[in-house]
Amino acid sequence: MSGSSSRPSAEREGADEPEQTRITYRDNRRIDPDTYEVREPRTSAAPDSGGNDSAAAGSEDQSGAAAQQLAMLELSATLAERTADLQRLQAEYVNYKRRVDRDRDLVRKVAIEGVLKDFLNVLDDVRSAREHGELTGGFKAVADELERITTKYGVETYGEKGDPFDPHIHEALLHAHADGIDGPTCVEILQPGYRIGDRILRPARVAVAEPEPDVHPSAPAESNAADDDQSAEAGADEPLAGDQDR
């Protein structure tokens, strides 16, 4: 009896004791204390629900697509900006090169004109010597070479007797009146002019003649004499006042 009564009491006492909870320890250290190597990060356990997994995957796909689209837009904007910068730089370079080439040609032309202007008096002497028959011997060879070089650089001589006078290319040193011309005419070339293309190095120095002015001084005198004759005749025909009274 005593043994049977004590057993239930022991079972009852064991039932009244609380259950012991299990404690789990996780080592989250990145460095393994034994091998001193870096541990791989642990992934959290996936949720049990399949619906949550699909929703999470769908949201991740949408966010990834939006991020990709945003990245493409940013890339397109950057590409357009860089393209515009490149086109602007190319246009600036083309304009700069064109301006440099134009300035280089202009400086070259101005330099050539400055040198040729110093030879104009020499060309005048050569022309005068040729007209007087003094261009002979070695001097003739030098003169021919000088004229060849100036012609190579485009120097032209202009100015002929009988040319219409143009103040843009002629310089009038003498002025006179002449018959048989319709307007201002170059009747004598004192010094020829020189030009390169449309640029005048020195205007031609000429003597200019104009038509005789149309003056008729006898016409007013004749008209006055006719008026006097008419008035005299009218006075002779009218009777005097004394004669009427008689």
C-alpha atoms as a PDB file:
ATOM      1  CA  MET A   1       0.000   0.000   0.000  1.00  0.00           C
ATOM      2  CA  SER A   2       2.684   2.414   0.925  1.00  0.00           C
ATOM      3  CA  GLY A   3       4.605   1.793  -2.306  1.00  0.00           C
ATOM      4  CA  SER A   4       1.592   2.341  -4.500  1.00  0.00           C
ATOM      5  CA  SER A   5       0.624   5.531  -2.775  1.00  0.00           C
ATOM      6  CA  SER A   6       4.024   7.099  -3.108  1.00  0.00           C
ATOM      7  CA  ARG A   7       4.273   6.520  -6.894  1.00  0.00           C
ATOM      8  CA  PRO A   8       1.324   8.645  -7.845  1.00  0.00           C
ATOM      9  CA  SER A   9       2.541  11.410  -5.641  1.00  0.00           C
ATOM     10  CA  ALA A  10       5.915  11.346  -7.384  1.00  0.00           C
ATOM     11  CA  GLU A  11       4.240  11.479 -10.785  1.00  0.00           C
ATOM     12  CA  ARG A  12       2.146  14.375  -9.654  1.00  0.00           C
ATOM     13  CA  GLU A  13       5.171  16.242  -8.470  1.00  0.00           C
ATOM     14  CA  GLY A  14       6.894  15.665 -11.806  1.00  0.00           C
ATOM     15  CA  ALA A  15       3.865  16.963 -13.700  1.00  0.00           C
ATOM     16  CA  ASP A  16       3.795  20.149 -11.685  1.00  0.00           C
ATOM     17  CA  GLU A  17       7.417  21.045 -12.627  1.00  0.00           C
ATOM     18  CA  PRO A  18       7.690  23.486 -15.614  1.00  0.00           C
ATOM     19  CA  GLU A  19       9.169  22.286 -18.910  1.00  0.00           C
ATOM     20  CA  GLN A  20      12.733  23.460 -19.630  1.00  0.00           C
ATOM     21  CA  THR A  21      12.997  25.821 -22.719  1.00  0.00           C
ATOM     22  CA  ARG A  22      15.658  25.111 -25.320  1.00  0.00           C
ATOM     23  CA  ILE A  23      18.163  27.944 -25.906  1.00  0.00           C
ATOM     24  CA  THR A  24      19.872  28.163 -29.302  1.00  0.00           C
ATOM     25  CA  TYR A  25      23.122  30.082 -29.732  1.00  0.00           C
ATOM     26  CA  ARG A  26      24.174  31.400 -33.141  1.00  0.00           C
ATOM     27  CA  ASP A  27      27.680  32.523 -33.828  1.00  0.00           C
ATOM     28  CA  ASN A  28      27.384  35.612 -36.041  1.00  0.00           C
ATOM     29  CA  ARG A  29      31.026  36.481 -35.989  1.00  0.00           C
ATOM     30  CA  ARG A  30      32.421  37.257 -39.437  1.00  0.00           C
ATOM     31  CA  ILE A  31      35.825  35.829 -38.584  1.00  0.00           C
ATOM     32  CA  ASP A  32      36.074  32.183 -37.668  1.00  0.00           C
ATOM     33  CA  PRO A  33      37.891  32.033 -34.273  1.00  0.00           C
ATOM     34  CA  ASP A  34      39.493  28.737 -35.222  1.00  0.00           C
ATOM     35  CA  THR A  35      40.639  29.295 -38.808  1.00  0.00           C
ATOM     36  CA  TYR A  36      40.634  33.120 -38.819  1.00  0.00           C
ATOM     37  CA  GLU A  37      38.899  33.116 -42.191  1.00  0.00           C
ATOM     38  CA  VAL A  38      35.976  35.228 -43.301  1.00  0.00           C
ATOM     39  CA  ARG A  39      32.692  33.392 -43.059  1.00  0.00           C
ATOM     40  CA  GLU A  40      30.038  33.544 -45.720  1.00  0.00           C
ATOM     41  CA  PRO A  41      26.967  35.548 -44.635  1.00  0.00           C
ATOM     42  CA  ARG A  42      24.041  33.414 -43.682  1.00  0.00           C
ATOM     43  CA  THR A  43      20.803  33.820 -45.534  1.00  0.00           C
ATOM     44  CA  SER A  44      17.655  34.128 -43.538  1.00  0.00           C
ATOM     45  CA  ALA A  45      15.203  31.313 -43.805  1.00  0.00           C
ATOM     46  CA  ALA A  46      12.583  31.828 -46.474  1.00  0.00           C
ATOM     47  CA  PRO A  47       8.987  32.222 -45.271  1.00  0.00           C
ATOM     48  CA  ASP A  48       6.834  29.200 -45.448  1.00  0.00           C
ATOM     49  CA  SER A  49       4.034  30.839 -47.383  1.00  0.00           C
ATOM     50  CA  GLY A  50       4.265  30.341 -51.176  1.00  0.00           C
ATOM     51  CA  GLY A  51       2.043  33.363 -51.905  1.00  0.00           C
ATOM     52  CA  ASN A  52       4.373  35.671 -50.073  1.00  0.00           C
ATOM     53  CA  ASP A  53       7.282  34.340 -52.118  1.00  0.00           C
ATOM     54  CA  SER A  54       5.537  35.082 -55.422  1.00  0.00           C
ATOM     55  CA  ALA A  55       4.489  38.584 -54.295  1.00  0.00           C
ATOM     56  CA  ALA A  56       7.989  39.386 -53.160  1.00  0.00           C
ATOM     57  CA  ALA A  57       9.423  38.106 -56.461  1.00  0.00           C
ATOM     58  CA  GLY A  58       6.927  40.215 -58.437  1.00  0.00           C
ATOM     59  CA  SER A  59       7.751  43.371 -56.482  1.00  0.00           C
ATOM     60  CA  GLU A  60      11.456  42.733 -56.960  1.00  0.00           C
ATOM     61  CA  ASP A  61      10.943  42.317 -60.728  1.00  0.00           C
ATOM     62  CA  GLN A  62       8.972  45.560 -60.927  1.00  0.00           C
ATOM     63  CA  SER A  63      11.551  47.485 -58.919  1.00  0.00           C
ATOM     64  CA  GLY A  64      14.319  46.031 -61.057  1.00  0.00           C
ATOM     65  CA  ALA A  65      12.529  47.000 -64.282  1.00  0.00           C
ATOM     66  CA  ALA A  66      11.911  50.537 -62.975  1.00  0.00           C
ATOM     67  CA  ALA A  67      15.549  50.875 -61.947  1.00  0.00           C
ATOM     68  CA  GLN A  68      16.679  49.626 -65.351  1.00  0.00           C
ATOM     69  CA  GLN A  69      14.371  52.049 -67.154  1.00  0.00           C
ATOM     70  CA  LEU A  70      15.618  54.942 -64.998  1.00  0.00           C
ATOM     71  CA  ALA A  71      19.198  53.953 -65.734  1.00  0.00           C
ATOM     72  CA  MET A  72      18.451  53.872 -69.481  1.00  0.00           C
ATOM     73  CA  LEU A  73      16.892  57.345 -69.319  1.00  0.00           C
ATOM     74  CA  GLU A  74      19.898  58.716 -67.473  1.00  0.00           C
ATOM     75  CA  LEU A  75      22.214  57.077 -69.993  1.00  0.00           C
ATOM     76  CA  SER A  76      20.248  58.557 -72.912  1.00  0.00           C
ATOM     77  CA  ALA A  77      20.353  62.048 -71.373  1.00  0.00           C
ATOM     78  CA  THR A  78      24.085  61.756 -70.758  1.00  0.00           C
ATOM     79  CA  LEU A  79      24.664  60.528 -74.303  1.00  0.00           C
ATOM     80  CA  ALA A  80      22.645  63.411 -75.780  1.00  0.00           C
ATOM     81  CA  GLU A  81      24.564  65.916 -73.657  1.00  0.00           C
ATOM     82  CA  ARG A  82      27.942  64.502 -74.669  1.00  0.00           C
ATOM     83  CA  THR A  83      26.880  64.437 -78.334  1.00  0.00           C
ATOM     84  CA  ALA A  84      25.812  68.094 -78.189  1.00  0.00           C
ATOM     85  CA  ASP A  85      29.145  69.016 -76.564  1.00  0.00           C
ATOM     86  CA  LEU A  86      31.045  67.149 -79.272  1.00  0.00           C
ATOM     87  CA  GLN A  87      29.070  68.827 -82.057  1.00  0.00           C
ATOM     88  CA  ARG A  88      29.625  72.257 -80.505  1.00  0.00           C
ATOM     89  CA  LEU A  89      33.355  71.632 -80.173  1.00  0.00           C
ATOM     90  CA  GLN A  90      33.536  70.421 -83.767  1.00  0.00           C
ATOM     91  CA  ALA A  91      31.698  73.523 -85.024  1.00  0.00           C
ATOM     92  CA  GLU A  92      34.001  75.780 -82.997  1.00  0.00           C
ATOM     93  CA  TYR A  93      37.054  74.020 -84.406  1.00  0.00           C
ATOM     94  CA  VAL A  94      35.789  74.335 -87.990  1.00  0.00           C
ATOM     95  CA  ASN A  95      35.105  78.058 -87.507  1.00  0.00           C
ATOM     96  CA  TYR A  96      38.500  78.553 -85.883  1.00  0.00           C
ATOM     97  CA  LYS A  97      40.300  76.755 -88.712  1.00  0.00           C
ATOM     98  CA  ARG A  98      38.382  78.745 -91.335  1.00  0.00           C
ATOM     99  CA  ARG A  99      39.181  82.020 -89.567  1.00  0.00           C
ATOM    100  CA  VAL A 100      42.864  81.113 -89.235  1.00  0.00           C
ATOM    101  CA  ASP A 101      43.093  80.209 -92.927  1.00  0.00           C
ATOM    102  CA  ARG A 102      41.387  83.463 -93.911  1.00  0.00           C
ATOM    103  CA  ASP A 103      43.670  85.529 -91.680  1.00  0.00           C
ATOM    104  CA  ARG A 104      46.724  83.704 -93.001  1.00  0.00           C
ATOM    105  CA  ASP A 105      45.755  84.473 -96.607  1.00  0.00           C
ATOM    106  CA  LEU A 106      45.018  88.103 -95.731  1.00  0.00           C
ATOM    107  CA  VAL A 107      48.367  88.549 -93.968  1.00  0.00           C
ATOM    108  CA  ARG A 108      50.141  86.982 -96.947  1.00  0.00           C
ATOM    109  CA  LYS A 109      48.393  89.304 -99.413  1.00  0.00           C
ATOM    110  CA  VAL A 110      49.124  92.395 -97.311  1.00  0.00           C
ATOM    111  CA  ALA A 111      52.795  91.416 -97.021  1.00  0.00           C
ATOM    112  CA  ILE A 112      53.118  90.867-100.781  1.00  0.00           C
ATOM    113  CA  GLU A 113      51.378  94.178-101.531  1.00  0.00           C
ATOM    114  CA  GLY A 114      53.681  96.016 -99.124  1.00  0.00           C
ATOM    115  CA  VAL A 115      56.761  94.657-100.879  1.00  0.00           C
ATOM    116  CA  LEU A 116      55.428  95.291-104.393  1.00  0.00           C
ATOM    117  CA  LYS A 117      54.527  98.896-103.585  1.00  0.00           C
ATOM    118  CA  ASP A 118      58.216  99.562-102.969  1.00  0.00           C
ATOM    119  CA  PHE A 119      58.992  98.390-106.527  1.00  0.00           C
ATOM    120  CA  LEU A 120      56.470 100.650-108.287  1.00  0.00           C
ATOM    121  CA  ASN A 121      58.956 103.475-108.760  1.00  0.00           C
ATOM    122  CA  VAL A 122      61.440 100.971-110.198  1.00  0.00           C
ATOM    123  CA  LEU A 123      58.788  99.772-112.649  1.00  0.00           C
ATOM    124  CA  ASP A 124      58.168 103.398-113.657  1.00  0.00           C
ATOM    125  CA  ASP A 125      61.872 103.828-114.407  1.00  0.00           C
ATOM    126  CA  VAL A 126      61.895 100.611-116.438  1.00  0.00           C
ATOM    127  CA  ARG A 127      58.886 101.799-118.434  1.00  0.00           C
ATOM    128  CA  SER A 128      60.456 105.194-119.060  1.00  0.00           C
ATOM    129  CA  ALA A 129      63.739 103.606-120.169  1.00  0.00           C
ATOM    130  CA  ARG A 130      61.885 101.286-122.559  1.00  0.00           C
ATOM    131  CA  GLU A 131      59.978 104.208-124.092  1.00  0.00           C
ATOM    132  CA  HIS A 132      63.239 106.124-124.693  1.00  0.00           C
ATOM    133  CA  GLY A 133      65.086 103.093-126.074  1.00  0.00           C
ATOM    134  CA  GLU A 134      67.553 102.933-123.183  1.00  0.00           C
ATOM    135  CA  LEU A 135      66.618  99.418-122.071  1.00  0.00           C
ATOM    136  CA  THR A 136      69.564  97.465-123.484  1.00  0.00           C
ATOM    137  CA  GLY A 137      72.256  95.041-122.358  1.00  0.00           C
ATOM    138  CA  GLY A 138      72.309  93.636-118.852  1.00  0.00           C
ATOM    139  CA  PHE A 139      69.870  96.273-117.629  1.00  0.00           C
ATOM    140  CA  LYS A 140      67.260  94.889-120.027  1.00  0.00           C
ATOM    141  CA  ALA A 141      67.672  91.367-118.577  1.00  0.00           C
ATOM    142  CA  VAL A 142      67.248  92.686-115.036  1.00  0.00           C
ATOM    143  CA  ALA A 143      64.169  94.693-116.058  1.00  0.00           C
ATOM    144  CA  ASP A 144      62.610  91.698-117.794  1.00  0.00           C
ATOM    145  CA  GLU A 145      63.162  89.518-114.700  1.00  0.00           C
ATOM    146  CA  LEU A 146      61.686  92.185-112.448  1.00  0.00           C
ATOM    147  CA  GLU A 147      58.582  92.463-114.606  1.00  0.00           C
ATOM    148  CA  ARG A 148      58.269  88.676-114.732  1.00  0.00           C
ATOM    149  CA  ILE A 149      58.336  88.397-110.938  1.00  0.00           C
ATOM    150  CA  THR A 150      55.798  91.182-110.418  1.00  0.00           C
ATOM    151  CA  THR A 151      53.515  89.621-113.023  1.00  0.00           C
ATOM    152  CA  LYS A 152      53.845  86.281-111.229  1.00  0.00           C
ATOM    153  CA  TYR A 153      52.361  87.862-108.095  1.00  0.00           C
ATOM    154  CA  GLY A 154      49.464  89.337-110.102  1.00  0.00           C
ATOM    155  CA  VAL A 155      50.598  92.927-110.632  1.00  0.00           C
ATOM    156  CA  GLU A 156      48.812  94.497-113.619  1.00  0.00           C
ATOM    157  CA  THR A 157      49.386  97.837-115.306  1.00  0.00           C
ATOM    158  CA  TYR A 158      46.368  99.857-116.402  1.00  0.00           C
ATOM    159  CA  GLY A 159      45.619 103.264-117.838  1.00  0.00           C
ATOM    160  CA  GLU A 160      45.332 104.074-121.556  1.00  0.00           C
ATOM    161  CA  LYS A 161      44.767 107.315-123.404  1.00  0.00           C
ATOM    162  CA  GLY A 162      41.065 107.731-124.145  1.00  0.00           C
ATOM    163  CA  ASP A 163      39.792 105.755-121.126  1.00  0.00           C
ATOM    164  CA  PRO A 164      36.752 107.245-119.357  1.00  0.00           C
ATOM    165  CA  PHE A 165      37.816 108.972-116.174  1.00  0.00           C
ATOM    166  CA  ASP A 166      36.973 106.989-113.028  1.00  0.00           C
ATOM    167  CA  PRO A 167      37.851 108.694-109.722  1.00  0.00           C
ATOM    168  CA  HIS A 168      38.102 105.289-108.035  1.00  0.00           C
ATOM    169  CA  ILE A 169      41.046 104.174-110.165  1.00  0.00           C
ATOM    170  CA  HIS A 170      42.351 107.455-111.640  1.00  0.00           C
ATOM    171  CA  GLU A 171      43.993 110.480-110.054  1.00  0.00           C
ATOM    172  CA  ALA A 172      43.484 113.685-112.037  1.00  0.00           C
ATOM    173  CA  LEU A 173      46.572 115.920-112.054  1.00  0.00           C
ATOM    174  CA  LEU A 174      45.577 118.177-114.975  1.00  0.00           C
ATOM    175  CA  HIS A 175      42.206 119.429-116.195  1.00  0.00           C
ATOM    176  CA  ALA A 176      41.155 120.985-119.495  1.00  0.00           C
ATOM    177  CA  HIS A 177      38.280 121.286-121.967  1.00  0.00           C
ATOM    178  CA  ALA A 178      38.253 119.593-125.362  1.00  0.00           C
ATOM    179  CA  ASP A 179      35.947 118.948-128.314  1.00  0.00           C
ATOM    180  CA  GLY A 180      34.781 115.603-129.587  1.00  0.00           C
ATOM    181  CA  ILE A 181      34.313 113.883-126.220  1.00  0.00           C
ATOM    182  CA  ASP A 182      31.108 112.946-124.439  1.00  0.00           C
ATOM    183  CA  GLY A 183      32.321 113.110-120.823  1.00  0.00           C
ATOM    184  CA  PRO A 184      35.402 113.277-118.603  1.00  0.00           C
ATOM    185  CA  THR A 185      38.139 111.445-120.509  1.00  0.00           C
ATOM    186  CA  CYS A 186      41.762 110.611-119.803  1.00  0.00           C
ATOM    187  CA  VAL A 187      43.592 112.463-122.586  1.00  0.00           C
ATOM    188  CA  GLU A 188      47.086 111.762-121.269  1.00  0.00           C
ATOM    189  CA  ILE A 189      48.591 109.132-118.933  1.00  0.00           C
ATOM    190  CA  LEU A 190      51.222 110.781-116.765  1.00  0.00           C
ATOM    191  CA  GLN A 191      51.928 107.634-114.689  1.00  0.00           C
ATOM    192  CA  PRO A 192      50.292 104.227-115.179  1.00  0.00           C
ATOM    193  CA  GLY A 193      48.319 102.601-112.412  1.00  0.00           C
ATOM    194  CA  TYR A 194      49.053  99.250-110.781  1.00  0.00           C
ATOM    195  CA  ARG A 195      46.623  96.782-109.269  1.00  0.00           C
ATOM    196  CA  ILE A 196      46.387  93.194-108.026  1.00  0.00           C
ATOM    197  CA  GLY A 197      42.997  91.834-108.944  1.00  0.00           C
ATOM    198  CA  ASP A 198      40.478  94.353-107.611  1.00  0.00           C
ATOM    199  CA  ARG A 199      42.919  95.977-105.151  1.00  0.00           C
ATOM    200  CA  ILE A 200      44.552  99.190-106.343  1.00  0.00           C
ATOM    201  CA  LEU A 201      48.230  99.504-105.480  1.00  0.00           C
ATOM    202  CA  ARG A 202      48.499 102.967-107.021  1.00  0.00           C
ATOM    203  CA  PRO A 203      45.917 104.896-109.059  1.00  0.00           C
ATOM    204  CA  ALA A 204      46.787 105.999-112.565  1.00  0.00           C
ATOM    205  CA  ARG A 205      47.787 109.661-112.674  1.00  0.00           C
ATOM    206  CA  VAL A 206      46.194 111.278-115.708  1.00  0.00           C
ATOM    207  CA  ALA A 207      45.219 114.518-117.410  1.00  0.00           C
ATOM    208  CA  VAL A 208      41.448 114.848-117.716  1.00  0.00           C
ATOM    209  CA  ALA A 209      39.488 116.746-120.369  1.00  0.00           C
ATOM    210  CA  GLU A 210      35.785 117.599-120.346  1.00  0.00           C
ATOM    211  CA  PRO A 211      33.478 118.774-123.147  1.00  0.00           C
ATOM    212  CA  GLU A 212      33.235 122.489-123.823  1.00  0.00           C
ATOM    213  CA  PRO A 213      30.372 124.062-121.848  1.00  0.00           C
ATOM    214  CA  ASP A 214      27.303 125.073-123.911  1.00  0.00           C
ATOM    215  CA  VAL A 215      27.227 128.906-123.562  1.00  0.00           C
ATOM    216  CA  HIS A 216      25.255 131.175-125.969  1.00  0.00           C
ATOM    217  CA  PRO A 217      25.759 134.778-124.782  1.00  0.00           C
ATOM    218  CA  SER A 218      24.359 136.301-128.049  1.00  0.00           C
ATOM    219  CA  ALA A 219      20.846 134.953-127.566  1.00  0.00           C
ATOM    220  CA  PRO A 220      19.809 137.268-124.683  1.00  0.00           C
ATOM    221  CA  ALA A 221      21.270 140.293-126.473  1.00  0.00           C
ATOM    222  CA  GLU A 222      19.336 139.527-129.662  1.00  0.00           C
ATOM    223  CA  SER A 223      16.083 139.137-127.727  1.00  0.00           C
ATOM    224  CA  ASN A 224      16.643 142.479-125.961  1.00  0.00           C
ATOM    225  CA  ALA A 225      17.343 144.219-129.270  1.00  0.00           C
ATOM    226  CA  ALA A 226      14.128 142.813-130.768  1.00  0.00           C
ATOM    227  CA  ASP A 227      12.135 144.060-127.778  1.00  0.00           C
ATOM    228  CA  ASP A 228      13.648 147.565-128.160  1.00  0.00           C
ATOM    229  CA  ASP A 229      12.771 147.665-131.875  1.00  0.00           C
ATOM    230  CA  GLN A 230       9.178 146.674-131.157  1.00  0.00           C
ATOM    231  CA  SER A 231       8.801 149.335-128.471  1.00  0.00           C
ATOM    232  CA  ALA A 232      10.307 151.969-130.779  1.00  0.00           C
ATOM    233  CA  GLU A 233       7.881 151.109-133.560  1.00  0.00           C
ATOM    234  CA  ALA A 234       4.945 151.273-131.147  1.00  0.00           C
ATOM    235  CA  GLY A 235       6.078 154.714-129.973  1.00  0.00           C
ATOM    236  CA  ALA A 236       6.363 156.032-133.510  1.00  0.00           C
ATOM    237  CA  ASP A 237       2.830 154.989-134.433  1.00  0.00           C
ATOM    238  CA  GLU A 238       1.163 156.657-131.410  1.00  0.00           C
ATOM    239  CA  PRO A 239       0.234 160.405-131.879  1.00  0.00           C
ATOM    240  CA  LEU A 240       1.559 162.916-129.447  1.00  0.00           C
ATOM    241  CA  ALA A 241      -0.796 164.602-126.995  1.00  0.00           C
ATOM    242  CA  GLY A 242      -0.184 168.052-128.544  1.00  0.00           C
ATOM    243  CA  ASP A 243      -1.127 166.800-131.962  1.00  0.00           C
ATOM    244  CA  GLN A 244      -4.413 165.446-130.692  1.00  0.00           C
ATOM    245  CA  ASP A 245      -5.339 168.815-129.182  1.00  0.00           C
ATOM    246  CA  ARG A 246      -4.686 170.554-132.488  1.00  0.00           C
END
